[in-house]
Amino acid sequence: MSDFTLNAQARNDLGKGASRRLRRNANLIPAVVYGGESTPVSVSLETREVARLLLNDAAYSSILSLNIDGKKENVLIKALQRHPAKNFVMHADFIRVVAGQKLTTIVPVLLLNEENCVGAKTGGGDIFRLATELEVTCLPQDLPDAIEVDMLNVNVGEIVHLADLVAPKGVEFTALAHDNNIAVASVQEARVNVVEDTEQDQPADAAAEGEAEEK
């Protein structure tokens, strides 16, 4: 697991109007923390700190230490609401992580040995990532930064399914629990674009008409 810390301040001014004021006047992001046996808590986060945190892709699937007015809670990012045009974060949802209690979350897929993949290096195929992230269930201490998929021995035409992967210790793939053996990656024949020669394909009578017009 990665070590990330984020500072927050508890807030009592709720509602859409209050959220707009936070974003416009104080450059803060409204957020809520929920889950576990504690009641939900509304907080605000510094926009710059959140933007800096999210530059690291691992933050999306790692346990964060959320410091709320000096009191720390372990949380996961559950959802981020972004501006439809400018893409900055407008609201965040965090879910509490409880020690000894399994959690279900999304982690990214990491393809290994792409440059040495048999199907791509010697077979001339292209590697396709069919799943960018996977849902897992595990205890907090077993949460992986990513699910690794070794592409070394994958040949052209072969597909790597979820059941082909060895889950990290203590980790379960949620999809397999529902008998959903999804495709994760594959190697397929490289696509070749054929450019047609329109002049060569032109009918003889059309070419004759063109010559007549020039004369």
Protein backbone atom coordinates (compact mmCIF):
# COMPACT_ATOMS: atom_id res chain seq x y z
CA MET A 1 0.00 0.00 0.00
CA SER A 2 1.10 3.55 -0.67
CA ASP A 3 1.36 6.20 2.01
CA PHE A 4 -0.75 9.27 1.25
CA THR A 5 -1.90 12.02 3.61
CA LEU A 6 -4.60 14.60 2.96
CA ASN A 7 -5.67 17.44 5.25
CA ALA A 8 -9.32 18.37 5.75
CA GLN A 9 -11.50 20.65 7.85
CA ALA A 10 -14.90 19.70 9.24
CA ARG A 11 -17.74 21.93 7.99
CA ASN A 12 -21.29 22.62 9.12
CA ASP A 13 -22.38 24.90 6.28
CA LEU A 14 -24.10 22.39 3.98
CA GLY A 15 -26.09 22.51 0.76
CA LYS A 16 -25.40 23.39 -2.87
CA GLY A 17 -25.06 27.09 -2.14
CA ALA A 18 -22.49 26.46 0.57
CA SER A 19 -20.55 24.16 -1.72
CA ARG A 20 -20.44 26.79 -4.45
CA ARG A 21 -19.18 29.38 -1.98
CA LEU A 22 -16.42 27.01 -0.85
CA ARG A 23 -15.21 26.48 -4.40
CA ARG A 24 -15.48 30.09 -5.55
CA ASN A 25 -14.53 32.12 -2.49
CA ALA A 26 -12.20 29.87 -0.50
CA ASN A 27 -10.77 27.65 -3.26
CA LEU A 28 -11.87 24.60 -1.28
CA ILE A 29 -13.48 21.33 -2.36
CA PRO A 30 -16.51 20.03 -0.42
CA ALA A 31 -16.37 16.34 0.51
CA VAL A 32 -18.06 13.74 2.70
CA VAL A 33 -16.61 10.85 4.73
CA TYR A 34 -18.86 7.88 5.52
CA GLY A 35 -18.83 4.17 6.30
CA GLY A 36 -17.93 2.10 9.33
CA GLU A 37 -19.83 2.61 12.56
CA SER A 38 -19.33 6.40 12.68
CA THR A 39 -21.77 8.93 11.28
CA PRO A 40 -21.00 10.67 7.97
CA VAL A 41 -18.86 13.82 8.26
CA SER A 42 -18.83 16.75 5.84
CA VAL A 43 -15.39 18.24 5.26
CA SER A 44 -13.56 20.64 2.96
CA LEU A 45 -10.23 20.09 1.20
CA GLU A 46 -7.71 22.46 -0.31
CA THR A 47 -8.01 22.38 -4.09
CA ARG A 48 -4.26 22.54 -4.69
CA GLU A 49 -3.56 19.70 -2.25
CA VAL A 50 -6.14 17.45 -3.90
CA ALA A 51 -4.80 18.24 -7.38
CA ARG A 52 -1.27 17.43 -6.23
CA LEU A 53 -2.42 14.15 -4.67
CA LEU A 54 -4.22 13.01 -7.82
CA LEU A 55 -1.12 13.48 -9.95
CA ASN A 56 -0.11 10.08 -8.57
CA ASP A 57 -2.38 7.42 -10.10
CA ALA A 58 -1.80 5.15 -7.10
CA ALA A 59 -3.78 7.55 -4.91
CA TYR A 60 -7.05 6.48 -6.55
CA SER A 61 -6.77 2.93 -5.21
CA SER A 62 -4.66 3.40 -2.07
CA ILE A 63 -5.61 3.91 1.56
CA LEU A 64 -5.30 7.60 2.44
CA SER A 65 -4.67 9.07 5.87
CA LEU A 66 -7.26 11.83 6.10
CA ASN A 67 -6.37 14.38 8.77
CA ILE A 68 -9.63 16.06 9.86
CA ASP A 69 -8.81 18.90 12.23
CA GLY A 70 -5.99 16.85 13.76
CA LYS A 71 -7.91 13.56 13.92
CA LYS A 72 -6.74 10.96 11.40
CA GLU A 73 -8.94 8.44 9.63
CA ASN A 74 -7.98 5.85 7.02
CA VAL A 75 -10.14 6.23 3.93
CA LEU A 76 -10.44 5.31 0.26
CA ILE A 77 -11.57 7.57 -2.55
CA LYS A 78 -15.06 6.32 -3.38
CA ALA A 79 -16.10 8.89 -5.98
CA LEU A 80 -14.97 12.17 -7.51
CA GLN A 81 -17.32 14.64 -9.18
CA ARG A 82 -15.51 16.69 -11.81
CA HIS A 83 -16.38 19.80 -13.80
CA PRO A 84 -17.79 18.60 -17.17
CA ALA A 85 -15.62 20.97 -19.22
CA LYS A 86 -12.57 21.86 -17.11
CA ASN A 87 -12.23 18.45 -15.39
CA PHE A 88 -11.25 19.83 -11.95
CA VAL A 89 -12.67 18.10 -8.86
CA MET A 90 -15.89 19.66 -7.57
CA HIS A 91 -16.81 17.14 -4.85
CA ALA A 92 -15.28 14.04 -3.28
CA ASP A 93 -16.66 11.01 -1.44
CA PHE A 94 -14.44 9.01 0.91
CA ILE A 95 -15.28 5.70 2.55
CA ARG A 96 -13.74 4.74 5.89
CA VAL A 97 -11.36 1.78 6.10
CA VAL A 98 -11.91 -0.33 9.22
CA ALA A 99 -9.06 -2.55 10.46
CA GLY A 100 -9.96 -6.24 10.35
CA GLN A 101 -12.92 -5.60 8.04
CA LYS A 102 -12.74 -6.55 4.36
CA LEU A 103 -13.22 -3.82 1.80
CA THR A 104 -14.20 -3.86 -1.87
CA THR A 105 -12.56 -1.35 -4.18
CA ILE A 106 -11.11 -0.77 -7.64
CA VAL A 107 -7.41 -1.17 -8.45
CA PRO A 108 -5.63 -0.51 -11.77
CA VAL A 109 -4.32 -3.18 -14.13
CA LEU A 110 -0.58 -3.14 -14.85
CA LEU A 111 0.72 -5.01 -17.91
CA LEU A 112 4.20 -6.48 -17.50
CA ASN A 113 6.75 -7.50 -20.18
CA GLU A 114 4.94 -5.76 -23.02
CA GLU A 115 8.24 -5.12 -24.83
CA ASN A 116 9.18 -8.83 -24.67
CA CYS A 117 5.73 -10.29 -25.32
CA VAL A 118 6.07 -13.26 -27.70
CA GLY A 119 2.98 -12.36 -29.70
CA ALA A 120 4.07 -8.76 -30.17
CA LYS A 121 7.86 -9.09 -30.48
CA THR A 122 8.11 -12.16 -32.70
CA GLY A 123 4.55 -12.58 -33.91
CA GLY A 124 4.06 -8.99 -35.00
CA GLY A 125 0.81 -8.61 -33.08
CA ASP A 126 -0.59 -5.72 -31.08
CA ILE A 127 -1.27 -5.81 -27.34
CA PHE A 128 -4.74 -4.72 -26.23
CA ARG A 129 -5.64 -3.77 -22.66
CA LEU A 130 -9.25 -4.95 -22.32
CA ALA A 131 -9.64 -3.98 -18.65
CA THR A 132 -7.95 -0.90 -17.19
CA GLU A 133 -9.07 -1.69 -13.62
CA LEU A 134 -10.45 -4.57 -11.58
CA GLU A 135 -12.63 -4.77 -8.49
CA VAL A 136 -11.09 -6.66 -5.57
CA THR A 137 -12.09 -7.65 -2.05
CA CYS A 138 -9.49 -7.91 0.72
CA LEU A 139 -8.43 -6.74 4.15
CA PRO A 140 -6.96 -3.21 4.26
CA GLN A 141 -3.41 -4.45 4.83
CA ASP A 142 -3.62 -6.70 1.73
CA LEU A 143 -4.79 -4.00 -0.70
CA PRO A 144 -2.42 -4.04 -3.73
CA ASP A 145 -1.37 -0.93 -5.66
CA ALA A 146 -2.22 -2.74 -8.92
CA ILE A 147 -3.06 -6.13 -10.40
CA GLU A 148 -0.10 -7.30 -12.48
CA VAL A 149 -0.67 -9.14 -15.77
CA ASP A 150 2.39 -10.85 -17.29
CA MET A 151 2.22 -10.63 -21.11
CA LEU A 152 5.56 -12.39 -21.73
CA ASN A 153 4.23 -15.70 -23.09
CA VAL A 154 0.98 -14.49 -24.65
CA ASN A 155 0.83 -15.37 -28.37
CA VAL A 156 -1.11 -13.78 -31.20
CA GLY A 157 -4.80 -14.60 -30.91
CA GLU A 158 -4.64 -15.41 -27.20
CA ILE A 159 -6.71 -13.69 -24.50
CA VAL A 160 -5.80 -13.39 -20.83
CA HIS A 161 -8.90 -13.86 -18.69
CA LEU A 162 -9.36 -13.00 -15.03
CA ALA A 163 -9.23 -16.68 -14.04
CA ASP A 164 -5.76 -16.92 -15.62
CA LEU A 165 -4.33 -14.45 -13.10
CA VAL A 166 -2.85 -15.32 -9.73
CA ALA A 167 -4.41 -12.93 -7.22
CA PRO A 168 -2.07 -11.39 -4.62
CA LYS A 169 -2.17 -13.03 -1.21
CA GLY A 170 -5.42 -12.26 0.61
CA VAL A 171 -7.05 -10.71 -2.47
CA GLU A 172 -10.20 -11.96 -4.21
CA PHE A 173 -11.45 -10.89 -7.63
CA THR A 174 -15.05 -9.77 -7.17
CA ALA A 175 -16.07 -10.66 -10.73
CA LEU A 176 -15.05 -14.31 -10.31
CA ALA A 177 -17.25 -14.55 -7.22
CA HIS A 178 -20.14 -13.78 -9.60
CA ASP A 179 -18.90 -16.25 -12.26
CA ASN A 180 -17.84 -13.40 -14.53
CA ASN A 181 -14.52 -14.45 -16.05
CA ILE A 182 -13.83 -11.17 -17.84
CA ALA A 183 -11.14 -10.65 -20.50
CA VAL A 184 -8.24 -8.56 -19.20
CA ALA A 185 -5.77 -8.34 -22.09
CA SER A 186 -5.03 -9.90 -25.49
CA VAL A 187 -2.63 -9.99 -28.42
CA GLN A 188 -4.20 -9.67 -31.86
CA GLU A 189 -2.86 -9.53 -35.41
CA ALA A 190 -1.64 -6.09 -36.35
CA ARG A 191 -4.06 -4.14 -38.52
CA VAL A 192 -2.80 -3.22 -42.00
CA ASN A 193 -4.31 -0.23 -43.75
CA VAL A 194 -4.63 -0.81 -47.50
CA VAL A 195 -4.59 2.37 -49.61
CA GLU A 196 -6.38 1.90 -52.91
CA ASP A 197 -5.02 3.45 -56.10
CA THR A 198 -8.07 5.26 -57.44
CA GLU A 199 -6.44 5.95 -60.80
CA GLN A 200 -5.72 2.26 -61.44
CA ASP A 201 -9.22 1.30 -60.37
CA GLN A 202 -10.83 3.83 -62.73
CA PRO A 203 -12.94 2.10 -65.44
CA ALA A 204 -11.50 2.20 -68.98
CA ASP A 205 -14.50 4.05 -70.42
CA ALA A 206 -14.25 6.74 -67.70
CA ALA A 207 -10.56 7.20 -68.50
CA ALA A 208 -11.36 7.52 -72.20
CA GLU A 209 -13.96 10.17 -71.48
CA GLY A 210 -11.40 12.12 -69.45
CA GLU A 211 -8.92 12.06 -72.34
CA ALA A 212 -11.60 13.22 -74.78
CA GLU A 213 -12.46 16.19 -72.59
CA GLU A 214 -8.81 17.25 -72.44
CA LYS A 215 -8.61 17.24 -76.24
